[in-house]
Structures are given as structure tokens and as C-alpha cells.
N, C-alpha and C. Protein backbone atom coordinates (compact mmCIF):
# COMPACT_ATOMS: atom_id res chain seq x y z
N UNK A 1 0.90 -1.12 -0.30
CA UNK A 1 0.36 0.21 -0.17
C UNK A 1 0.71 1.14 0.39
N UNK A 2 0.28 2.78 -1.15
CA UNK A 2 1.46 3.51 -1.41
C UNK A 2 0.72 4.33 -0.01
N UNK A 3 1.62 5.31 0.35
CA UNK A 3 1.06 6.36 1.00
C UNK A 3 1.43 7.98 -0.09
N UNK A 4 0.84 8.81 0.39
CA UNK A 4 0.71 10.11 -0.36
C UNK A 4 0.89 11.37 0.73
N UNK A 5 1.29 12.27 0.52
CA UNK A 5 0.84 13.73 1.20
C UNK A 5 0.28 14.53 0.23
N UNK A 6 -0.67 15.35 1.19
CA UNK A 6 -1.51 16.02 0.24
C UNK A 6 -1.28 17.51 0.80
N UNK A 7 -0.91 17.88 0.18
CA UNK A 7 -0.28 19.78 0.41
C UNK A 7 -1.88 20.09 0.33
N UNK A 8 -2.15 21.12 1.77
CA UNK A 8 -3.58 21.40 2.08
C UNK A 8 -3.15 23.21 1.28
N UNK A 9 -3.81 23.72 1.22
CA UNK A 9 -3.26 25.00 0.56
C UNK A 9 -4.57 26.04 0.88
N UNK A 10 -4.40 27.17 1.37
CA UNK A 10 -5.88 27.73 1.88
C UNK A 10 -5.93 28.78 0.97
N UNK A 11 -7.24 28.61 0.59
CA UNK A 11 -7.70 29.46 -0.57
C UNK A 11 -7.07 30.87 -0.47
N UNK A 12 -6.80 31.78 0.34
CA UNK A 12 -6.76 33.25 0.89
C UNK A 12 -4.84 33.26 0.30
N UNK A 13 -4.52 32.35 0.19
CA UNK A 13 -3.29 32.78 -0.84
C UNK A 13 -3.00 32.09 -2.02
N UNK A 14 -4.33 31.93 -2.30
CA UNK A 14 -4.07 31.30 -4.29
C UNK A 14 -4.83 32.79 -4.51
N UNK A 15 -4.62 32.71 -5.82
CA UNK A 15 -5.08 33.53 -6.45
C UNK A 15 -6.63 33.20 -7.60
N UNK A 16 -7.74 33.78 -7.74
CA UNK A 16 -8.86 33.16 -8.42
C UNK A 16 -8.58 33.41 -9.61
N UNK A 17 -9.06 32.64 -10.44
CA UNK A 17 -8.78 32.53 -11.15
C UNK A 17 -10.38 32.62 -12.28
N UNK A 18 -11.18 31.83 -12.19
CA UNK A 18 -12.74 32.01 -12.67
C UNK A 18 -13.88 30.74 -11.51
N UNK A 19 -14.81 30.72 -11.63
CA UNK A 19 -15.69 30.02 -11.70
C UNK A 19 -15.89 28.95 -12.92
N UNK A 20 -16.96 27.85 -12.38
CA UNK A 20 -17.14 26.65 -13.10
C UNK A 20 -19.05 26.67 -12.79
N UNK A 21 -19.85 26.86 -14.00
CA UNK A 21 -21.04 26.50 -13.09
C UNK A 21 -21.78 25.72 -14.20
N UNK A 22 -21.54 25.47 -15.45
CA UNK A 22 -21.87 24.45 -16.24
C UNK A 22 -20.82 23.91 -17.56
N UNK A 23 -21.91 22.35 -17.41
CA UNK A 23 -20.77 21.69 -18.26
C UNK A 23 -20.70 22.11 -19.60
N UNK A 24 -19.91 20.86 -20.22
CA UNK A 24 -20.01 21.36 -21.38
C UNK A 24 -20.13 19.68 -22.51
N UNK A 25 -20.98 19.43 -22.99
CA UNK A 25 -21.33 18.40 -23.79
C UNK A 25 -20.96 17.14 -22.77
N UNK A 26 -20.78 15.90 -23.36
CA UNK A 26 -21.43 14.74 -22.40
C UNK A 26 -20.18 14.16 -21.61
N UNK A 27 -18.60 14.66 -22.51
CA UNK A 27 -17.77 13.84 -21.73
C UNK A 27 -17.41 14.12 -20.71
N UNK A 28 -17.57 15.44 -20.09
CA UNK A 28 -17.16 15.84 -18.35
C UNK A 28 -16.25 16.64 -18.94
N UNK A 29 -16.18 17.53 -19.57
CA UNK A 29 -15.60 19.46 -19.74
C UNK A 29 -16.87 20.47 -19.22
N UNK A 30 -15.93 21.17 -18.48
CA UNK A 30 -16.36 22.05 -17.76
C UNK A 30 -16.08 23.43 -18.88
N UNK A 31 -16.60 24.47 -18.18
CA UNK A 31 -17.29 25.14 -19.32
C UNK A 31 -16.61 26.71 -18.41
N UNK A 32 -15.39 27.16 -18.81
CA UNK A 32 -14.62 28.03 -17.48
C UNK A 32 -15.31 29.59 -17.95
N UNK A 33 -15.60 29.84 -16.58
CA UNK A 33 -15.67 31.48 -16.86
C UNK A 33 -14.55 32.20 -15.94
N UNK A 34 -13.84 32.95 -16.44
CA UNK A 34 -12.40 33.15 -16.13
C UNK A 34 -12.65 34.89 -15.90
N UNK A 35 -12.15 35.65 -14.83
CA UNK A 35 -11.50 36.69 -14.43
C UNK A 35 -11.12 37.55 -15.32
N UNK A 36 -9.94 37.03 -15.77
CA UNK A 36 -9.36 38.11 -16.97
C UNK A 36 -9.84 37.53 -17.87
N UNK A 37 -10.71 38.61 -18.77
CA UNK A 37 -11.70 38.59 -19.74
C UNK A 37 -10.74 38.70 -21.09
N UNK A 38 -9.69 39.08 -20.98
CA UNK A 38 -8.93 38.44 -22.29
C UNK A 38 -8.55 37.53 -22.42
N UNK A 39 -8.88 36.57 -22.97
CA UNK A 39 -8.39 35.10 -23.52
C UNK A 39 -7.19 34.96 -24.33
N UNK A 40 -6.66 36.19 -24.81
CA UNK A 40 -5.06 36.05 -24.98
C UNK A 40 -4.17 35.84 -24.27
N UNK A 41 -4.55 36.53 -23.35
CA UNK A 41 -3.47 36.52 -22.23
C UNK A 41 -3.66 35.61 -20.84
N UNK A 42 -4.38 34.84 -21.17
CA UNK A 42 -4.56 33.68 -20.10
C UNK A 42 -3.47 33.17 -19.88
N UNK A 43 -2.93 32.44 -18.48
CA UNK A 43 -2.10 32.23 -18.57
C UNK A 43 -1.99 30.01 -18.22
N UNK A 44 -3.42 29.64 -18.48
CA UNK A 44 -3.63 28.90 -17.92
C UNK A 44 -3.04 27.75 -19.37
N UNK A 45 -2.99 26.61 -19.14
CA UNK A 45 -2.44 26.07 -20.12
C UNK A 45 -2.77 24.19 -19.73
N UNK A 46 -2.61 23.53 -20.51
CA UNK A 46 -2.72 22.01 -20.28
C UNK A 46 -1.50 21.52 -19.28
N UNK A 47 -2.15 20.31 -18.62
CA UNK A 47 -1.04 20.39 -17.63
C UNK A 47 -0.57 21.25 -16.13
N UNK A 48 -1.68 22.38 -16.50
CA UNK A 48 -1.47 22.91 -14.71
C UNK A 48 -2.24 22.34 -14.03
N UNK A 49 -1.93 22.30 -12.76
CA UNK A 49 -2.55 22.03 -11.83
C UNK A 49 -3.23 23.12 -10.76
N UNK A 50 -4.95 23.53 -11.13
CA UNK A 50 -5.40 24.18 -10.18
C UNK A 50 -6.12 23.72 -9.25
N UNK A 51 -6.72 24.72 -8.52
CA UNK A 51 -6.95 24.28 -6.87
C UNK A 51 -8.78 24.49 -7.12
N UNK A 52 -9.69 23.55 -6.80
CA UNK A 52 -11.20 23.69 -7.27
C UNK A 52 -11.60 23.84 -5.61
N UNK A 53 -12.28 24.90 -5.70
CA UNK A 53 -13.02 25.29 -4.14
C UNK A 53 -14.47 25.49 -4.12
N UNK A 54 -16.05 24.78 -3.39
CA UNK A 54 -17.42 24.68 -3.58
C UNK A 54 -17.47 25.96 -3.50
N UNK A 55 -18.46 26.40 -4.63
CA UNK A 55 -19.15 27.90 -4.04
C UNK A 55 -20.92 27.23 -3.83
N UNK A 56 -21.27 26.15 -3.21
CA UNK A 56 -22.46 25.67 -2.39
C UNK A 56 -22.29 24.21 -1.70
N UNK A 57 -23.35 24.18 -1.32
CA UNK A 57 -23.31 22.77 -0.47
C UNK A 57 -23.38 21.60 -2.04
N UNK A 58 -23.75 22.00 -2.74
CA UNK A 58 -24.57 21.07 -3.90
C UNK A 58 -23.18 20.89 -4.33
N UNK A 59 -21.99 21.19 -4.30
CA UNK A 59 -20.55 20.65 -4.92
C UNK A 59 -20.40 19.57 -3.86
N UNK A 60 -19.65 18.81 -4.38
CA UNK A 60 -18.98 17.61 -4.10
C UNK A 60 -17.51 17.53 -3.87
N UNK A 61 -17.14 19.07 -3.71
CA UNK A 61 -15.45 18.83 -3.65
C UNK A 61 -15.51 19.27 -2.53
N UNK A 62 -14.17 19.05 -1.74
CA UNK A 62 -13.66 19.20 -0.56
C UNK A 62 -13.90 20.28 -0.40
N UNK A 63 -14.24 20.52 0.64
CA UNK A 63 -14.50 22.32 1.32
C UNK A 63 -13.15 22.96 1.49
N UNK A 64 -12.24 22.04 1.67
CA UNK A 64 -11.17 22.42 1.98
C UNK A 64 -9.86 23.17 0.64
N UNK A 65 -11.12 22.26 -0.56
CA UNK A 65 -10.32 22.80 -1.72
C UNK A 65 -9.64 21.24 -2.20
N UNK A 66 -9.59 20.66 -3.58
CA UNK A 66 -8.90 19.38 -4.42
C UNK A 66 -7.88 19.89 -5.16
N UNK A 67 -7.07 19.84 -5.98
CA UNK A 67 -6.17 19.94 -6.96
C UNK A 67 -6.30 19.06 -8.04
N UNK A 68 -6.75 19.58 -9.14
CA UNK A 68 -6.86 19.02 -10.10
C UNK A 68 -5.91 19.53 -10.94
N UNK A 69 -5.59 18.96 -12.30
CA UNK A 69 -4.28 18.84 -13.36
C UNK A 69 -5.81 18.85 -14.63
N UNK A 70 -4.83 20.51 -15.46
CA UNK A 70 -6.08 20.21 -16.94
C UNK A 70 -5.30 19.12 -18.04
N UNK A 71 -6.31 18.86 -18.35
CA UNK A 71 -5.84 18.01 -19.30
C UNK A 71 -5.97 18.28 -20.75
N UNK A 72 -7.23 18.94 -20.67
CA UNK A 72 -7.18 19.31 -22.56
C UNK A 72 -7.83 20.74 -22.32
N UNK A 73 -7.23 21.84 -23.00
CA UNK A 73 -8.06 23.00 -22.91
C UNK A 73 -8.14 24.10 -24.37
N UNK A 74 -9.53 24.14 -24.48
CA UNK A 74 -9.76 25.24 -25.73
C UNK A 74 -10.13 26.30 -25.63
N UNK A 75 -10.12 27.43 -26.24
CA UNK A 75 -9.92 28.53 -25.99
C UNK A 75 -11.06 29.17 -27.10
N UNK A 76 -11.91 29.83 -26.79
CA UNK A 76 -12.57 29.99 -28.27
C UNK A 76 -13.79 30.85 -28.12
N UNK A 77 -15.27 30.98 -28.37
CA UNK A 77 -16.13 31.65 -27.84
C UNK A 77 -16.02 31.45 -25.86
N UNK A 78 -16.05 30.17 -25.89
CA UNK A 78 -15.81 29.44 -24.88
C UNK A 78 -14.44 28.90 -24.51
N UNK A 79 -14.26 29.31 -23.30
CA UNK A 79 -13.41 28.06 -22.76
C UNK A 79 -13.69 27.08 -22.04
N UNK A 80 -12.76 25.80 -23.17
CA UNK A 80 -13.74 24.43 -22.38
C UNK A 80 -12.76 23.91 -21.93
N UNK A 81 -12.50 23.24 -20.68
CA UNK A 81 -11.37 22.43 -20.50
C UNK A 81 -12.16 20.87 -19.86
N UNK A 82 -10.66 20.08 -19.94
CA UNK A 82 -11.35 18.59 -19.25
C UNK A 82 -10.24 18.45 -18.43
N UNK A 83 -10.48 18.45 -16.69
CA UNK A 83 -10.21 17.72 -15.73
C UNK A 83 -9.89 16.95 -16.06
N UNK A 84 -8.59 16.47 -15.45
CA UNK A 84 -7.56 14.98 -16.15
C UNK A 84 -8.28 13.89 -15.04
N UNK A 85 -8.95 13.07 -14.95
CA UNK A 85 -9.65 11.90 -14.20
C UNK A 85 -11.20 12.47 -14.35
N UNK A 86 -11.51 13.15 -14.87
CA UNK A 86 -12.78 13.42 -14.61
C UNK A 86 -13.68 12.48 -15.61
N UNK A 87 -14.73 11.90 -15.28
CA UNK A 87 -15.19 10.85 -15.77
C UNK A 87 -16.24 11.16 -17.25
N UNK A 88 -17.50 11.78 -16.72
CA UNK A 88 -18.22 12.19 -17.53
C UNK A 88 -18.70 13.29 -16.94
N UNK A 89 -19.92 13.67 -17.62
CA UNK A 89 -20.81 14.76 -17.40
C UNK A 89 -21.12 14.56 -16.06
N UNK A 90 -22.03 13.49 -15.47
CA UNK A 90 -22.52 13.72 -14.72
C UNK A 90 -21.28 13.69 -12.96
N UNK A 91 -20.13 13.14 -13.25
CA UNK A 91 -19.65 13.10 -12.32
C UNK A 91 -19.09 14.65 -11.93
N UNK A 92 -19.24 15.56 -13.50
CA UNK A 92 -18.82 17.02 -13.48
C UNK A 92 -19.76 17.88 -12.63
N UNK A 93 -21.07 17.65 -13.11
CA UNK A 93 -22.17 18.04 -12.60
C UNK A 93 -22.46 17.62 -10.93
N UNK A 94 -21.78 16.55 -10.13
CA UNK A 94 -21.79 16.41 -8.80
C UNK A 94 -20.75 17.09 -8.23
N UNK A 95 -20.05 17.98 -9.05
CA UNK A 95 -18.76 18.66 -8.25
C UNK A 95 -19.48 20.77 -8.56
N UNK A 96 -19.98 20.51 -9.58
CA UNK A 96 -20.56 21.80 -9.70
C UNK A 96 -21.60 22.42 -8.50
N UNK A 97 -21.41 23.92 -8.50
CA UNK A 97 -20.65 24.91 -9.02
C UNK A 97 -19.61 25.08 -8.18
N UNK A 98 -17.97 25.24 -8.48
CA UNK A 98 -17.04 25.59 -7.82
C UNK A 98 -15.94 26.98 -8.41
N UNK A 99 -15.45 27.58 -8.03
CA UNK A 99 -14.12 28.44 -8.57
C UNK A 99 -12.79 27.46 -8.35
N UNK A 100 -12.03 28.22 -9.26
CA UNK A 100 -10.65 27.59 -10.03
C UNK A 100 -9.74 28.67 -8.83
N UNK A 101 -8.50 28.89 -8.55
CA UNK A 101 -7.68 29.10 -8.16
C UNK A 101 -6.10 28.57 -8.78
N UNK A 102 -4.87 29.31 -8.58
CA UNK A 102 -4.16 28.92 -8.92
C UNK A 102 -3.18 29.53 -7.57
N UNK A 103 -1.91 28.83 -7.42
CA UNK A 103 -0.95 29.65 -6.41
C UNK A 103 0.19 30.35 -7.27
N UNK A 104 0.28 31.54 -6.74
CA UNK A 104 1.00 32.79 -7.47
C UNK A 104 2.40 32.80 -7.96
N UNK A 105 2.74 31.55 -7.54
CA UNK A 105 4.12 30.73 -7.33
C UNK A 105 4.56 30.24 -9.35
N UNK A 106 3.46 29.69 -9.65
CA UNK A 106 3.16 29.30 -10.65
C UNK A 106 2.47 30.13 -11.99
N UNK A 107 2.60 31.79 -11.25
CA UNK A 107 2.73 32.71 -12.56
C UNK A 107 3.13 33.36 -13.43
N UNK A 108 3.85 32.64 -14.42
CA UNK A 108 4.92 33.18 -15.32
C UNK A 108 5.35 34.65 -14.83
N UNK A 109 6.69 35.19 -14.83
CA UNK A 109 7.28 36.34 -14.58
C UNK A 109 6.68 37.30 -15.75
N UNK A 110 6.27 38.59 -15.43
CA UNK A 110 5.03 39.10 -16.34
C UNK A 110 6.91 40.08 -17.25
N UNK A 111 6.70 40.39 -17.93
CA UNK A 111 7.85 41.67 -18.67
C UNK A 111 8.27 42.85 -18.03
N UNK A 112 9.19 43.12 -18.24
CA UNK A 112 9.37 44.35 -17.80
C UNK A 112 8.63 45.51 -17.22
N UNK A 113 7.63 45.58 -18.59
CA UNK A 113 6.68 46.52 -18.78
C UNK A 113 5.04 46.55 -18.00
N UNK A 114 5.51 45.40 -17.93
CA UNK A 114 3.78 44.90 -17.32
C UNK A 114 3.63 44.18 -16.07
N UNK A 115 3.17 44.03 -15.43
CA UNK A 115 2.31 43.91 -13.76
C UNK A 115 1.27 42.99 -13.60
N UNK A 116 1.13 42.02 -12.91
CA UNK A 116 -0.21 41.25 -12.53
C UNK A 116 -0.75 42.23 -11.72
N UNK A 117 -2.48 42.82 -12.00
CA UNK A 117 -3.23 43.18 -11.00
C UNK A 117 -3.21 42.85 -9.58
N UNK A 118 -3.04 41.43 -9.66
CA UNK A 118 -3.38 41.05 -8.54
C UNK A 118 -1.94 41.02 -7.49
N UNK A 119 -1.00 40.92 -7.76
CA UNK A 119 0.18 42.53 -7.08
C UNK A 119 -0.22 43.66 -6.33
N UNK A 120 -1.04 44.13 -7.10
CA UNK A 120 -0.82 45.26 -6.88
C UNK A 120 -1.74 46.07 -4.98
N UNK A 121 -2.41 44.42 -5.24
CA UNK A 121 -3.93 44.82 -4.08
C UNK A 121 -2.60 45.05 -2.33
N UNK A 122 -3.81 45.85 -1.83
CA UNK A 122 -3.43 46.40 -1.21
C UNK A 122 -2.01 47.24 -1.07
N UNK A 123 -1.72 47.42 -2.12
CA UNK A 123 -0.70 49.18 -2.44
C UNK A 123 -1.03 50.08 -1.73
N UNK A 124 -0.20 50.86 -1.43
CA UNK A 124 -0.98 52.55 -0.94
C UNK A 124 -0.51 53.28 -2.75
N UNK A 125 -1.63 53.92 -2.62
CA UNK A 125 -2.31 54.73 -3.22
C UNK A 125 -1.47 56.39 -2.75
N UNK A 126 -0.85 56.68 -4.07
CA UNK A 126 0.00 58.66 -3.19
C UNK A 126 -0.39 59.05 -4.39
N UNK A 127 -0.47 60.56 -3.84
CA UNK A 127 -0.69 61.82 -4.75
C UNK A 127 0.60 62.13 -5.22
N UNK A 128 1.14 62.97 -6.62
CA UNK A 128 2.03 63.25 -7.15
C UNK A 128 2.66 63.59 -6.02
N UNK A 129 3.04 64.08 -5.40
CA UNK A 129 4.06 64.74 -4.26
C UNK A 129 4.38 63.82 -3.44
N UNK A 130 3.37 62.29 -3.47
CA UNK A 130 3.85 61.10 -2.79
C UNK A 130 3.80 61.39 -1.42
N UNK A 131 1.92 61.83 -1.01
CA UNK A 131 1.59 61.42 -0.05
C UNK A 131 0.64 60.52 0.03
N UNK A 132 0.41 59.48 0.64
CA UNK A 132 -0.74 58.87 1.44
C UNK A 132 -1.79 58.94 0.97
N UNK A 133 -2.70 58.50 -0.13
CA UNK A 133 -4.08 59.29 -0.03
C UNK A 133 -5.31 58.06 -0.17
N UNK A 134 -4.30 56.88 0.07
CA UNK A 134 -5.69 55.65 0.70
C UNK A 134 -4.67 54.19 -0.11
N UNK A 135 -5.52 53.55 -0.38
CA UNK A 135 -5.27 51.79 -0.77
C UNK A 135 -5.95 51.14 -1.53
N UNK A 136 -5.24 50.45 -2.66
CA UNK A 136 -5.80 49.57 -3.76
C UNK A 136 -6.49 48.43 -2.76
N UNK A 137 -7.73 48.70 -2.94
CA UNK A 137 -8.55 47.92 -2.52
C UNK A 137 -8.95 46.51 -3.39
N UNK A 138 -9.25 47.01 -4.42
CA UNK A 138 -9.61 45.83 -5.72
C UNK A 138 -9.88 46.47 -6.54
N UNK A 139 -10.02 45.53 -8.09
CA UNK A 139 -10.06 45.95 -9.31
C UNK A 139 -11.35 45.00 -9.76
N UNK A 140 -11.63 45.55 -10.83
CA UNK A 140 -12.62 44.33 -11.91
C UNK A 140 -12.56 45.18 -13.11
N UNK A 141 -13.51 44.60 -14.18
CA UNK A 141 -13.41 45.05 -15.61
C UNK A 141 -14.87 44.77 -15.49
N UNK A 142 -14.82 46.61 -16.65
CA UNK A 142 -16.53 46.23 -17.16
C UNK A 142 -16.42 45.98 -19.04
N UNK A 143 -15.92 45.08 -18.95
CA UNK A 143 -15.98 44.66 -20.33
C UNK A 143 -14.75 45.56 -21.19
N UNK A 144 -14.60 46.89 -20.84
CA UNK A 144 -13.90 48.12 -22.05
C UNK A 144 -12.60 47.77 -21.41
N UNK A 145 -12.20 48.29 -20.07
CA UNK A 145 -10.96 48.56 -18.94
C UNK A 145 -11.24 47.98 -18.00
N UNK A 146 -10.04 48.06 -16.90
CA UNK A 146 -10.27 47.54 -15.90
C UNK A 146 -10.24 48.71 -14.85
N UNK A 147 -10.87 48.72 -13.77
CA UNK A 147 -11.16 49.60 -12.81
C UNK A 147 -10.60 49.76 -11.24
N UNK A 148 -10.06 50.21 -10.85
CA UNK A 148 -9.09 50.08 -9.60
C UNK A 148 -10.31 50.93 -8.20
N UNK A 149 -10.45 50.20 -7.62
CA UNK A 149 -11.48 50.57 -6.17
C UNK A 149 -10.47 50.88 -5.18
N UNK A 150 -9.79 52.22 -4.88
CA UNK A 150 -9.73 52.80 -3.87
C UNK A 150 -9.97 53.42 -2.96
N UNK A 151 -9.80 52.95 -1.12
CA UNK A 151 -10.10 53.05 -0.35
C UNK A 151 -9.39 54.35 0.20
N UNK A 152 -9.69 55.63 0.19
CA UNK A 152 -9.40 56.69 0.63
C UNK A 152 -9.40 56.58 2.28
N UNK A 153 -8.09 57.33 2.48
CA UNK A 153 -7.64 57.47 4.58
C UNK A 153 -8.79 57.97 5.00
N UNK A 154 -10.18 58.60 4.03
CA UNK A 154 -10.84 59.47 4.75
C UNK A 154 -11.98 58.21 5.03
N UNK A 155 -11.57 56.96 4.40
CA UNK A 155 -12.79 55.86 4.42
C UNK A 155 -13.75 55.74 3.43
N UNK A 156 -13.72 57.08 2.87
CA UNK A 156 -14.62 56.35 1.19
C UNK A 156 -13.41 55.87 -0.18
N UNK A 157 -14.82 55.60 -0.75
CA UNK A 157 -14.26 54.17 -1.31
C UNK A 157 -14.36 54.99 -3.00
N UNK A 158 -13.16 55.34 -4.12
CA UNK A 158 -13.92 55.71 -5.26
C UNK A 158 -13.24 54.92 -5.82
N UNK A 159 -13.94 54.25 -7.36
CA UNK A 159 -13.26 53.68 -8.39
C UNK A 159 -13.14 54.51 -9.66
N UNK A 160 -12.16 53.80 -10.20
CA UNK A 160 -11.34 55.17 -11.72
C UNK A 160 -11.17 53.96 -12.31
N UNK A 161 -11.41 53.76 -13.87
CA UNK A 161 -10.38 53.19 -14.75
C UNK A 161 -8.87 53.67 -14.65
N UNK A 162 -8.70 52.15 -14.88
CA UNK A 162 -7.27 52.39 -14.58
C UNK A 162 -6.70 52.78 -16.13
N UNK A 163 -6.17 54.10 -16.20
CA UNK A 163 -5.63 54.55 -17.37
C UNK A 163 -4.84 55.87 -16.80
N UNK A 164 -3.85 56.21 -17.74
CA UNK A 164 -2.45 56.66 -17.41
C UNK A 164 -2.95 58.15 -16.60
N UNK A 165 -4.00 58.46 -17.29
CA UNK A 165 -4.63 60.42 -16.08
C UNK A 165 -5.37 59.93 -15.29
N UNK A 166 -5.12 58.92 -14.65
CA UNK A 166 -5.99 58.84 -13.31
C UNK A 166 -4.60 58.18 -12.56
N UNK A 167 -4.00 57.21 -13.05
CA UNK A 167 -2.89 56.14 -12.32
C UNK A 167 -1.69 56.33 -13.36
N UNK A 168 -0.62 57.59 -13.13
CA UNK A 168 0.19 57.77 -14.19
C UNK A 168 1.59 56.62 -13.76
N UNK A 169 1.77 55.63 -12.86
CA UNK A 169 2.81 55.26 -12.24
C UNK A 169 2.93 54.34 -11.31
N UNK A 170 3.41 53.37 -11.52
CA UNK A 170 2.86 51.80 -10.42
C UNK A 170 4.89 51.76 -10.38
N UNK A 171 4.81 52.06 -8.72
CA UNK A 171 6.16 51.40 -8.44
C UNK A 171 6.09 50.40 -7.27
N UNK A 172 6.77 49.29 -8.70
CA UNK A 172 6.41 48.07 -7.81
C UNK A 172 7.65 47.81 -6.65
N UNK A 173 8.84 48.35 -6.63
CA UNK A 173 9.80 48.41 -6.01
C UNK A 173 9.72 49.19 -4.45
N UNK A 174 9.00 50.12 -4.45
CA UNK A 174 8.51 50.91 -3.30
C UNK A 174 6.62 50.93 -2.68
N UNK A 175 6.34 49.34 -3.56
CA UNK A 175 4.77 49.21 -3.26
C UNK A 175 4.01 50.49 -3.35
N UNK A 176 4.04 51.36 -4.24
CA UNK A 176 3.26 52.58 -4.18
C UNK A 176 2.81 52.57 -5.53
N UNK A 177 1.78 53.37 -5.83
CA UNK A 177 0.57 53.59 -6.90
C UNK A 177 0.24 55.25 -7.04
N UNK A 178 1.02 55.65 -7.85
CA UNK A 178 0.84 57.54 -7.60
C UNK A 178 -0.89 57.14 -8.68
N UNK A 179 -1.77 58.35 -8.25
CA UNK A 179 -3.19 58.35 -8.37
C UNK A 179 -3.22 60.21 -8.43
N UNK A 180 -3.95 60.44 -9.72
CA UNK A 180 -4.66 61.80 -9.96
C UNK A 180 -5.95 62.14 -9.49
N UNK A 181 -6.12 62.49 -8.62
CA UNK A 181 -7.60 62.42 -7.85
C UNK A 181 -8.32 63.32 -8.98
N UNK A 182 -9.53 63.00 -9.71
CA UNK A 182 -10.39 63.60 -10.14
C UNK A 182 -10.64 64.95 -9.68
N UNK A 183 -11.12 65.86 -10.40
CA UNK A 183 -11.53 67.06 -9.74
C UNK A 183 -13.27 67.07 -9.90
N UNK A 184 -13.91 67.04 -9.13
CA UNK A 184 -15.49 67.04 -9.36
C UNK A 184 -15.86 68.54 -8.98
N UNK A 185 -16.86 68.73 -10.14
CA UNK A 185 -17.70 70.15 -10.24
C UNK A 185 -19.20 69.68 -10.17
N UNK A 186 -20.10 70.61 -9.15
CA UNK A 186 -21.17 70.45 -9.07
C UNK A 186 -21.97 70.70 -9.66
């Protein structure tokens, strides 16, 4: 009898890539809904191991998560994934709904002029003089561009498009994002 060790990953130490709510076809393929809607920039690849976490009591995935390997992956109008060991549609349906996560170390290194938005989370947001005005709390995508949610030191939250006119500089070394505060008119 063989023994194996199962590394338990904490969900908050992983990066959410998306979720699965629907099967595709009868062979147990899953339709992935990815957080990053720019599919050409997806880091997903065959052979990659993902962590799956249930999003409802209906799912038979262990509440502490399970590691599954991508066997086949197709990008088109939909992202279709076949997980290694997925028997058929019925097997997949017993696991749905679930979210998919990846550990940060599995991400490829970004090019010099690029950053992963997830690496900006909780960074200080400073004005052009370098004074702290808030913290990057979250980001989202509205179908056209990324939006940054900044929690100001006053407690107020503002959402601005991630464009150079509002965020001209990201200093990864000092973990600071320069923000030009919008001018409001009544």
C-alpha cells in the first residue's frame, strides 16, 4: 500500500482565476468563466494544476479544496476544459458549482513593462507629491477596461478606470501607485 502527502492550500493564499457553473457536452468537459476576460492573456495551459473550491453545498468538492490537473484546454467563444480524471458529465455535475484558483508561484514572470493586477492589491496609493491618499482595495473589469477601487484614508471608496490619466505610475519596488485625484464639479 502506497502513502502520499496532500498539501493543503489555504484559499486566501491562492489567486482566483474564475469559476465553473456549467458542463459542456457529455464527456465531462467544463465551461470556464475566467476573471481575466482577455483570453489571449490567459496563463492557463494543459498540464497545469488548479485548486477547486466549492461555491455551494451542492458541490461534492472538499470544502478545503482539491487539486485537479488540466488535461485538455480549448479557447474560443467559450473556454472549455477537460480535467484529468473527470469521468463524464455526471461526475462533473456532482462537483459544480466551484471556483478555480492557482498559486501565485505558478504564474509566469511578467515582462519588464507589465504587472499582474493581483500584485497591486493593498498597495499604498499616493498623490503626485508622494503623500498617501489611500490603498488599492480591489479591481474589476467592465468589459472595456479595468477599474481600480481605492479606499481613501478618509474611509470613502472611489472607483476609477485604470488609465494613465488617473494612475500615471506604478512603483513596484516601493509598492506605491501614483493617483491623480479627479476634480469634481457640482
